[in-house]
Amino acid sequence: MCINIKNINSLPALNLAMDQGLYTTVYECFSAPPFNEKVTPEKVKFYFQKYIESGILYLAYSDATPMGFIATLPLTETANIGELEFFETWGYINNQKVNLNSDLFTQQTGLSIDKLYYIADLGVAINYRQQGIAKRLFKTLFGHLSDNIGYILRTTANPEYAYLPDFYQKLGFKIMPITQSVEYYNCQNQLIQDSRLILVKLPND
């Protein structure tokens, strides 16, 4: 199977990807467990346009169909960005509420805030999983930026899906002593809460 990975860096390229099935792939990835998110074409277009404008977006293609994606934003760009909001929100360290601000991330990582990026989106269509595509997407993304960049992501803390943090740890991510509770609308349009782990990949990890 031939999988091509492409950098999407313009609105026309994003529109074409949407026409080729990007929305279907994103819906398949996030409307199912463990996230069960409400996914709409408008929501996908809004966030993926943000990735193009302020960050980096790569898509994996099988022929002309986008069947995988990864996106990153500078950590500071995740403040006040709807359901993706992360920077300057609240989390917990040892049951103590803390603000996820520049001082905390610098203290936890040893990096200045301008050297930290947030993995905002990652997914691979069900029929293409277990083929190393997510790993290829990560390696492509890591090669896009300089070697002195650190990456932060969050994923579910549900032990039923422990394979997710396990996968990230195999790529060099480490679990930070920070947890977070997030709110979002599920497929039934109900506002729900989910506990999340925060992981970091430092330079040379």
C-alpha atoms as a PDB file:
ATOM      1  CA  MET A   1       0.000   0.000   0.000  1.00  0.00           C
ATOM      2  CA  CYS A   2       1.426   3.360  -1.058  1.00  0.00           C
ATOM      3  CA  ILE A   3       0.877   6.134   1.494  1.00  0.00           C
ATOM      4  CA  ASN A   4       1.936   9.666   0.642  1.00  0.00           C
ATOM      5  CA  ILE A   5       2.282  12.397   3.255  1.00  0.00           C
ATOM      6  CA  LYS A   6       1.696  15.975   2.161  1.00  0.00           C
ATOM      7  CA  ASN A   7       2.053  19.328   3.867  1.00  0.00           C
ATOM      8  CA  ILE A   8      -1.213  21.283   3.526  1.00  0.00           C
ATOM      9  CA  ASN A   9      -0.420  24.993   3.739  1.00  0.00           C
ATOM     10  CA  SER A  10      -3.139  26.840   1.837  1.00  0.00           C
ATOM     11  CA  LEU A  11      -6.902  27.197   1.976  1.00  0.00           C
ATOM     12  CA  PRO A  12      -7.382  25.856  -1.594  1.00  0.00           C
ATOM     13  CA  ALA A  13      -5.392  22.742  -0.644  1.00  0.00           C
ATOM     14  CA  LEU A  14      -7.546  22.307   2.466  1.00  0.00           C
ATOM     15  CA  ASN A  15     -10.755  22.746   0.461  1.00  0.00           C
ATOM     16  CA  LEU A  16      -9.567  20.084  -1.971  1.00  0.00           C
ATOM     17  CA  ALA A  17      -8.758  17.725   0.910  1.00  0.00           C
ATOM     18  CA  MET A  18     -12.246  18.264   2.327  1.00  0.00           C
ATOM     19  CA  ASP A  19     -13.716  17.399  -1.078  1.00  0.00           C
ATOM     20  CA  GLN A  20     -11.548  14.272  -1.170  1.00  0.00           C
ATOM     21  CA  GLY A  21     -12.855  12.942   2.139  1.00  0.00           C
ATOM     22  CA  LEU A  22     -10.933  14.620   4.970  1.00  0.00           C
ATOM     23  CA  TYR A  23     -14.092  15.293   6.959  1.00  0.00           C
ATOM     24  CA  THR A  24     -15.108  11.630   6.787  1.00  0.00           C
ATOM     25  CA  THR A  25     -11.722  10.572   8.147  1.00  0.00           C
ATOM     26  CA  VAL A  26     -11.807  13.098  11.014  1.00  0.00           C
ATOM     27  CA  TYR A  27     -15.387  12.091  11.847  1.00  0.00           C
ATOM     28  CA  GLU A  28     -14.411   8.419  11.914  1.00  0.00           C
ATOM     29  CA  CYS A  29     -11.497   9.134  14.263  1.00  0.00           C
ATOM     30  CA  PHE A  30     -13.260  11.298  16.842  1.00  0.00           C
ATOM     31  CA  SER A  31     -16.959  10.393  16.826  1.00  0.00           C
ATOM     32  CA  ALA A  32     -16.082   6.907  18.138  1.00  0.00           C
ATOM     33  CA  PRO A  33     -14.685   5.939  21.571  1.00  0.00           C
ATOM     34  CA  PRO A  34     -12.745   7.019  23.503  1.00  0.00           C
ATOM     35  CA  PHE A  35     -13.688  10.595  22.570  1.00  0.00           C
ATOM     36  CA  ASN A  36     -17.225  10.326  21.137  1.00  0.00           C
ATOM     37  CA  GLU A  37     -17.031  13.938  19.979  1.00  0.00           C
ATOM     38  CA  LYS A  38     -19.585  15.877  18.016  1.00  0.00           C
ATOM     39  CA  VAL A  39     -17.854  16.380  14.666  1.00  0.00           C
ATOM     40  CA  THR A  40     -19.279  18.619  11.945  1.00  0.00           C
ATOM     41  CA  PRO A  41     -17.841  19.790   8.608  1.00  0.00           C
ATOM     42  CA  GLU A  42     -17.900  23.373   9.903  1.00  0.00           C
ATOM     43  CA  LYS A  43     -15.922  22.413  13.005  1.00  0.00           C
ATOM     44  CA  VAL A  44     -13.312  20.496  10.999  1.00  0.00           C
ATOM     45  CA  LYS A  45     -12.926  23.349   8.515  1.00  0.00           C
ATOM     46  CA  PHE A  46     -12.584  25.918  11.328  1.00  0.00           C
ATOM     47  CA  TYR A  47      -9.832  24.105  13.219  1.00  0.00           C
ATOM     48  CA  PHE A  48      -7.925  22.848  10.186  1.00  0.00           C
ATOM     49  CA  GLN A  49      -7.868  26.366   8.781  1.00  0.00           C
ATOM     50  CA  LYS A  50      -6.331  27.480  12.090  1.00  0.00           C
ATOM     51  CA  TYR A  51      -3.618  24.858  11.660  1.00  0.00           C
ATOM     52  CA  ILE A  52      -2.779  26.245   8.222  1.00  0.00           C
ATOM     53  CA  GLU A  53      -2.812  29.866   9.380  1.00  0.00           C
ATOM     54  CA  SER A  54      -0.870  29.473  12.630  1.00  0.00           C
ATOM     55  CA  GLY A  55       0.729  26.041  12.673  1.00  0.00           C
ATOM     56  CA  ILE A  56       1.589  22.988  10.600  1.00  0.00           C
ATOM     57  CA  LEU A  57      -0.731  20.425   8.995  1.00  0.00           C
ATOM     58  CA  TYR A  58       0.202  17.155   7.302  1.00  0.00           C
ATOM     59  CA  LEU A  59      -2.195  14.697   5.688  1.00  0.00           C
ATOM     60  CA  ALA A  60      -1.543  11.077   4.764  1.00  0.00           C
ATOM     61  CA  TYR A  61      -3.094   9.948   1.495  1.00  0.00           C
ATOM     62  CA  SER A  62      -3.996   6.597   0.035  1.00  0.00           C
ATOM     63  CA  ASP A  63      -4.313   7.440  -3.648  1.00  0.00           C
ATOM     64  CA  ALA A  64      -6.346  10.684  -3.547  1.00  0.00           C
ATOM     65  CA  THR A  65      -8.074  10.031  -0.215  1.00  0.00           C
ATOM     66  CA  PRO A  66      -6.864  11.695   3.014  1.00  0.00           C
ATOM     67  CA  MET A  67      -6.837   8.872   5.557  1.00  0.00           C
ATOM     68  CA  GLY A  68      -4.604  10.337   8.260  1.00  0.00           C
ATOM     69  CA  PHE A  69      -3.698  13.726   9.689  1.00  0.00           C
ATOM     70  CA  ILE A  70      -1.465  15.457  12.201  1.00  0.00           C
ATOM     71  CA  ALA A  71      -1.418  19.115  13.179  1.00  0.00           C
ATOM     72  CA  THR A  72       0.546  21.248  15.587  1.00  0.00           C
ATOM     73  CA  LEU A  73       0.298  24.811  16.835  1.00  0.00           C
ATOM     74  CA  PRO A  74       2.670  26.955  18.885  1.00  0.00           C
ATOM     75  CA  LEU A  75       1.554  26.331  22.456  1.00  0.00           C
ATOM     76  CA  THR A  76       0.614  29.974  22.966  1.00  0.00           C
ATOM     77  CA  GLU A  77      -1.784  29.757  19.988  1.00  0.00           C
ATOM     78  CA  THR A  78      -4.006  27.334  21.928  1.00  0.00           C
ATOM     79  CA  ALA A  79      -5.413  30.010  24.225  1.00  0.00           C
ATOM     80  CA  ASN A  80      -9.055  30.920  23.554  1.00  0.00           C
ATOM     81  CA  ILE A  81      -9.539  28.494  20.660  1.00  0.00           C
ATOM     82  CA  GLY A  82     -12.765  26.719  21.544  1.00  0.00           C
ATOM     83  CA  GLU A  83     -12.572  23.009  22.358  1.00  0.00           C
ATOM     84  CA  LEU A  84      -8.837  22.996  21.570  1.00  0.00           C
ATOM     85  CA  GLU A  85      -8.155  25.581  24.274  1.00  0.00           C
ATOM     86  CA  PHE A  86      -5.171  24.513  26.356  1.00  0.00           C
ATOM     87  CA  PHE A  87      -2.683  27.280  27.141  1.00  0.00           C
ATOM     88  CA  GLU A  88      -3.736  29.454  30.118  1.00  0.00           C
ATOM     89  CA  THR A  89      -6.391  26.918  31.146  1.00  0.00           C
ATOM     90  CA  TRP A  90      -6.393  24.975  34.433  1.00  0.00           C
ATOM     91  CA  GLY A  91      -5.041  21.602  35.428  1.00  0.00           C
ATOM     92  CA  TYR A  92      -3.989  19.691  38.526  1.00  0.00           C
ATOM     93  CA  ILE A  93      -0.637  18.693  39.983  1.00  0.00           C
ATOM     94  CA  ASN A  94      -0.948  16.439  43.028  1.00  0.00           C
ATOM     95  CA  ASN A  95      -4.597  17.508  43.374  1.00  0.00           C
ATOM     96  CA  GLN A  96      -3.575  21.172  43.479  1.00  0.00           C
ATOM     97  CA  LYS A  97      -5.175  23.415  40.870  1.00  0.00           C
ATOM     98  CA  VAL A  98      -2.614  25.156  38.668  1.00  0.00           C
ATOM     99  CA  ASN A  99      -2.751  27.552  35.732  1.00  0.00           C
ATOM    100  CA  LEU A 100      -1.176  26.123  32.577  1.00  0.00           C
ATOM    101  CA  ASN A 101       0.843  29.245  31.843  1.00  0.00           C
ATOM    102  CA  SER A 102       4.323  30.101  30.576  1.00  0.00           C
ATOM    103  CA  ASP A 103       5.969  29.832  33.990  1.00  0.00           C
ATOM    104  CA  LEU A 104       4.551  26.383  34.660  1.00  0.00           C
ATOM    105  CA  PHE A 105       5.548  24.936  31.285  1.00  0.00           C
ATOM    106  CA  THR A 106       9.035  26.422  31.498  1.00  0.00           C
ATOM    107  CA  GLN A 107       9.404  24.999  35.009  1.00  0.00           C
ATOM    108  CA  GLN A 108       8.189  21.569  33.895  1.00  0.00           C
ATOM    109  CA  THR A 109      10.138  21.351  30.628  1.00  0.00           C
ATOM    110  CA  GLY A 110      13.144  23.645  30.965  1.00  0.00           C
ATOM    111  CA  LEU A 111      12.168  25.259  27.644  1.00  0.00           C
ATOM    112  CA  SER A 112      11.023  28.792  26.953  1.00  0.00           C
ATOM    113  CA  ILE A 113       7.407  29.021  25.846  1.00  0.00           C
ATOM    114  CA  ASP A 114       8.360  29.894  22.255  1.00  0.00           C
ATOM    115  CA  LYS A 115      10.084  26.484  21.970  1.00  0.00           C
ATOM    116  CA  LEU A 116       6.925  24.501  22.801  1.00  0.00           C
ATOM    117  CA  TYR A 117       4.377  23.246  20.292  1.00  0.00           C
ATOM    118  CA  TYR A 118       1.046  21.543  20.954  1.00  0.00           C
ATOM    119  CA  ILE A 119      -0.055  18.450  19.022  1.00  0.00           C
ATOM    120  CA  ALA A 120      -3.550  19.690  18.251  1.00  0.00           C
ATOM    121  CA  ASP A 121      -4.834  16.829  16.094  1.00  0.00           C
ATOM    122  CA  LEU A 122      -3.884  13.296  15.145  1.00  0.00           C
ATOM    123  CA  GLY A 123      -5.895  10.526  13.560  1.00  0.00           C
ATOM    124  CA  VAL A 124      -5.800   7.611  11.131  1.00  0.00           C
ATOM    125  CA  ALA A 125      -8.868   6.050   9.508  1.00  0.00           C
ATOM    126  CA  ILE A 126      -9.846   2.695  11.019  1.00  0.00           C
ATOM    127  CA  ASN A 127      -9.000   0.581   7.964  1.00  0.00           C
ATOM    128  CA  TYR A 128      -5.462   2.021   7.844  1.00  0.00           C
ATOM    129  CA  ARG A 129      -4.437   1.568  11.473  1.00  0.00           C
ATOM    130  CA  GLN A 130      -1.671  -0.726  12.733  1.00  0.00           C
ATOM    131  CA  GLN A 131       0.415   0.067   9.640  1.00  0.00           C
ATOM    132  CA  GLY A 132       2.806   2.632  11.099  1.00  0.00           C
ATOM    133  CA  ILE A 133       1.057   5.620   9.522  1.00  0.00           C
ATOM    134  CA  ALA A 134       0.671   7.631  12.748  1.00  0.00           C
ATOM    135  CA  LYS A 135       4.358   7.068  13.474  1.00  0.00           C
ATOM    136  CA  ARG A 136       5.251   8.321   9.972  1.00  0.00           C
ATOM    137  CA  LEU A 137       3.081  11.393  10.481  1.00  0.00           C
ATOM    138  CA  PHE A 138       4.865  12.186  13.741  1.00  0.00           C
ATOM    139  CA  LYS A 139       8.307  11.705  12.231  1.00  0.00           C
ATOM    140  CA  THR A 140       7.398  13.949   9.305  1.00  0.00           C
ATOM    141  CA  LEU A 141       6.161  16.623  11.687  1.00  0.00           C
ATOM    142  CA  PHE A 142       9.259  16.364  13.895  1.00  0.00           C
ATOM    143  CA  GLY A 143      11.420  16.817  10.784  1.00  0.00           C
ATOM    144  CA  HIS A 144       9.559  20.002   9.843  1.00  0.00           C
ATOM    145  CA  LEU A 145      10.695  21.971  12.890  1.00  0.00           C
ATOM    146  CA  SER A 146      14.105  22.498  14.441  1.00  0.00           C
ATOM    147  CA  ASP A 147      15.657  19.992  16.823  1.00  0.00           C
ATOM    148  CA  ASN A 148      15.320  22.294  19.838  1.00  0.00           C
ATOM    149  CA  ILE A 149      11.494  22.195  19.843  1.00  0.00           C
ATOM    150  CA  GLY A 150       9.456  20.407  22.502  1.00  0.00           C
ATOM    151  CA  TYR A 151       5.988  18.965  21.897  1.00  0.00           C
ATOM    152  CA  ILE A 152       3.041  18.723  24.267  1.00  0.00           C
ATOM    153  CA  LEU A 153      -0.166  16.748  23.804  1.00  0.00           C
ATOM    154  CA  ARG A 154      -3.091  15.558  25.849  1.00  0.00           C
ATOM    155  CA  THR A 155      -5.008  12.327  25.580  1.00  0.00           C
ATOM    156  CA  THR A 156      -7.626  10.438  27.519  1.00  0.00           C
ATOM    157  CA  ALA A 157      -6.747   9.213  31.005  1.00  0.00           C
ATOM    158  CA  ASN A 158      -9.313   6.399  30.735  1.00  0.00           C
ATOM    159  CA  PRO A 159      -7.381   3.199  31.587  1.00  0.00           C
ATOM    160  CA  GLU A 160      -9.487   1.300  29.055  1.00  0.00           C
ATOM    161  CA  TYR A 161      -7.551   3.174  26.357  1.00  0.00           C
ATOM    162  CA  ALA A 162      -4.104   2.967  27.948  1.00  0.00           C
ATOM    163  CA  TYR A 163      -2.694   1.981  24.540  1.00  0.00           C
ATOM    164  CA  LEU A 164      -2.899   5.663  23.518  1.00  0.00           C
ATOM    165  CA  PRO A 165      -0.383   7.064  26.052  1.00  0.00           C
ATOM    166  CA  ASP A 166       1.653   3.873  25.546  1.00  0.00           C
ATOM    167  CA  PHE A 167       1.924   4.661  21.827  1.00  0.00           C
ATOM    168  CA  TYR A 168       3.028   8.227  22.503  1.00  0.00           C
ATOM    169  CA  GLN A 169       5.623   7.071  25.016  1.00  0.00           C
ATOM    170  CA  LYS A 170       7.157   4.791  22.373  1.00  0.00           C
ATOM    171  CA  LEU A 171       7.709   7.957  20.313  1.00  0.00           C
ATOM    172  CA  GLY A 172       9.619   9.633  23.142  1.00  0.00           C
ATOM    173  CA  PHE A 173       6.776  11.392  24.978  1.00  0.00           C
ATOM    174  CA  LYS A 174       6.697  11.282  28.759  1.00  0.00           C
ATOM    175  CA  ILE A 175       3.685  11.679  31.036  1.00  0.00           C
ATOM    176  CA  MET A 176       3.795  14.986  32.895  1.00  0.00           C
ATOM    177  CA  PRO A 177       2.554  15.281  36.503  1.00  0.00           C
ATOM    178  CA  ILE A 178      -0.408  17.294  35.197  1.00  0.00           C
ATOM    179  CA  THR A 179      -3.976  16.126  34.642  1.00  0.00           C
ATOM    180  CA  GLN A 180      -6.892  18.063  33.247  1.00  0.00           C
ATOM    181  CA  SER A 181     -10.651  17.762  32.949  1.00  0.00           C
ATOM    182  CA  VAL A 182     -12.100  18.945  29.633  1.00  0.00           C
ATOM    183  CA  GLU A 183     -15.659  19.640  28.566  1.00  0.00           C
ATOM    184  CA  TYR A 184     -17.046  19.090  25.073  1.00  0.00           C
ATOM    185  CA  TYR A 185     -20.204  18.039  23.255  1.00  0.00           C
ATOM    186  CA  ASN A 186     -20.544  14.382  22.358  1.00  0.00           C
ATOM    187  CA  CYS A 187     -22.321  12.775  19.403  1.00  0.00           C
ATOM    188  CA  GLN A 188     -25.654  13.090  21.225  1.00  0.00           C
ATOM    189  CA  ASN A 189     -25.050  16.835  21.679  1.00  0.00           C
ATOM    190  CA  GLN A 190     -24.600  16.358  25.430  1.00  0.00           C
ATOM    191  CA  LEU A 191     -21.977  18.347  27.323  1.00  0.00           C
ATOM    192  CA  ILE A 192     -19.623  15.810  28.926  1.00  0.00           C
ATOM    193  CA  GLN A 193     -16.367  15.817  30.884  1.00  0.00           C
ATOM    194  CA  ASP A 194     -13.297  13.686  30.298  1.00  0.00           C
ATOM    195  CA  SER A 195     -10.085  13.395  32.275  1.00  0.00           C
ATOM    196  CA  ARG A 196      -6.900  13.908  30.245  1.00  0.00           C
ATOM    197  CA  LEU A 197      -3.220  13.124  30.641  1.00  0.00           C
ATOM    198  CA  ILE A 198      -0.602  15.637  29.505  1.00  0.00           C
ATOM    199  CA  LEU A 199       2.543  14.326  27.810  1.00  0.00           C
ATOM    200  CA  VAL A 200       5.702  16.083  26.625  1.00  0.00           C
ATOM    201  CA  LYS A 201       8.470  15.200  24.190  1.00  0.00           C
ATOM    202  CA  LEU A 202      11.618  17.204  24.859  1.00  0.00           C
ATOM    203  CA  PRO A 203      14.435  17.747  22.354  1.00  0.00           C
ATOM    204  CA  ASN A 204      16.581  14.614  21.896  1.00  0.00           C
ATOM    205  CA  ASP A 205      14.015  12.354  23.624  1.00  0.00           C
END
